[in-house]
Amino acid sequence: MTTQETGAVTGTKDKDYNLIWYVEACLDNALRLETYVQDADREGDSEVADLFRKAQADSRKGAEMGKQLLRSRLTS
């Protein structure tokens, strides 16, 4: 963790960069979980598949919340 703003290096304030990273991480997680759901379905393990579907839904929700926040901040 850095103690000073690194926006001069990236061109984006840390707090905005962190929010962009969060959205990307949620979307990446949703994609990865799709593979896990398919693996569990293929093995006939509906309990695990349901767990991964719930986690995938949570990741999508996090991404949507982050995108809404980004949208409001980048348009103002």
Protein backbone atom coordinates (compact mmCIF):
# COMPACT_ATOMS: atom_id res chain seq x y z
CA MET A 1 0.00 0.00 0.00
CA THR A 2 1.36 3.39 -0.95
CA THR A 3 0.98 6.44 1.24
CA GLN A 4 0.95 8.97 -1.57
CA GLU A 5 -1.19 9.57 -4.63
CA THR A 6 0.22 7.87 -7.73
CA GLY A 7 -2.13 9.54 -10.22
CA ALA A 8 0.78 11.49 -11.67
CA VAL A 9 2.19 8.19 -12.92
CA THR A 10 -1.06 6.66 -14.24
CA GLY A 11 -2.94 9.82 -15.15
CA THR A 12 -5.82 8.64 -12.98
CA LYS A 13 -6.41 9.41 -9.31
CA ASP A 14 -5.88 6.37 -7.09
CA LYS A 15 -9.49 6.29 -5.89
CA ASP A 16 -10.74 6.28 -9.49
CA TYR A 17 -8.15 3.72 -10.57
CA ASN A 18 -9.16 1.50 -7.65
CA LEU A 19 -12.81 1.71 -8.70
CA ILE A 20 -11.91 0.83 -12.30
CA TRP A 21 -9.85 -2.11 -11.02
CA TYR A 22 -12.75 -3.27 -8.84
CA VAL A 23 -15.16 -3.34 -11.79
CA GLU A 24 -12.64 -5.26 -13.91
CA ALA A 25 -12.03 -7.75 -11.09
CA CYS A 26 -15.76 -8.37 -10.64
CA LEU A 27 -16.26 -8.91 -14.37
CA ASP A 28 -13.24 -11.21 -14.56
CA ASN A 29 -14.57 -13.19 -11.61
CA ALA A 30 -17.99 -13.57 -13.28
CA LEU A 31 -16.28 -14.97 -16.38
CA ARG A 32 -14.10 -17.36 -14.38
CA LEU A 33 -17.08 -18.58 -12.39
CA GLU A 34 -18.87 -19.51 -15.62
CA THR A 35 -16.17 -22.14 -16.18
CA TYR A 36 -16.61 -23.39 -12.64
CA VAL A 37 -20.40 -23.64 -13.07
CA GLN A 38 -19.92 -25.65 -16.26
CA ASP A 39 -17.42 -27.95 -14.54
CA ALA A 40 -19.81 -28.61 -11.65
CA ASP A 41 -22.75 -29.13 -14.03
CA ARG A 42 -20.71 -31.59 -16.08
CA GLU A 43 -20.00 -33.57 -12.89
CA GLY A 44 -23.67 -33.43 -11.88
CA ASP A 45 -22.90 -31.48 -8.70
CA SER A 46 -25.81 -29.06 -8.54
CA GLU A 47 -24.93 -27.92 -5.01
CA VAL A 48 -21.53 -26.61 -6.10
CA ALA A 49 -22.93 -25.26 -9.38
CA ASP A 50 -25.56 -23.29 -7.42
CA LEU A 51 -22.89 -21.88 -5.11
CA PHE A 52 -20.86 -20.69 -8.10
CA ARG A 53 -23.99 -19.24 -9.77
CA LYS A 54 -24.71 -17.24 -6.62
CA ALA A 55 -21.12 -16.02 -6.47
CA GLN A 56 -21.33 -15.12 -10.16
CA ALA A 57 -24.51 -13.12 -9.56
CA ASP A 58 -22.80 -11.32 -6.69
CA SER A 59 -19.84 -10.50 -8.94
CA ARG A 60 -22.15 -9.14 -11.63
CA LYS A 61 -23.95 -7.05 -9.02
CA GLY A 62 -20.64 -5.64 -7.75
CA ALA A 63 -19.60 -4.79 -11.30
CA GLU A 64 -22.90 -3.03 -11.98
CA MET A 65 -22.66 -1.04 -8.76
CA GLY A 66 -19.09 -0.04 -9.62
CA LYS A 67 -20.05 0.92 -13.18
CA GLN A 68 -22.90 3.10 -11.91
CA LEU A 69 -20.56 4.86 -9.51
CA LEU A 70 -17.94 5.32 -12.22
CA ARG A 71 -20.55 6.64 -14.64
CA SER A 72 -21.73 9.26 -12.16
CA ARG A 73 -18.20 10.36 -11.33
CA LEU A 74 -16.85 10.46 -14.87
CA THR A 75 -19.77 12.49 -16.24
CA SER A 76 -19.68 15.18 -13.57
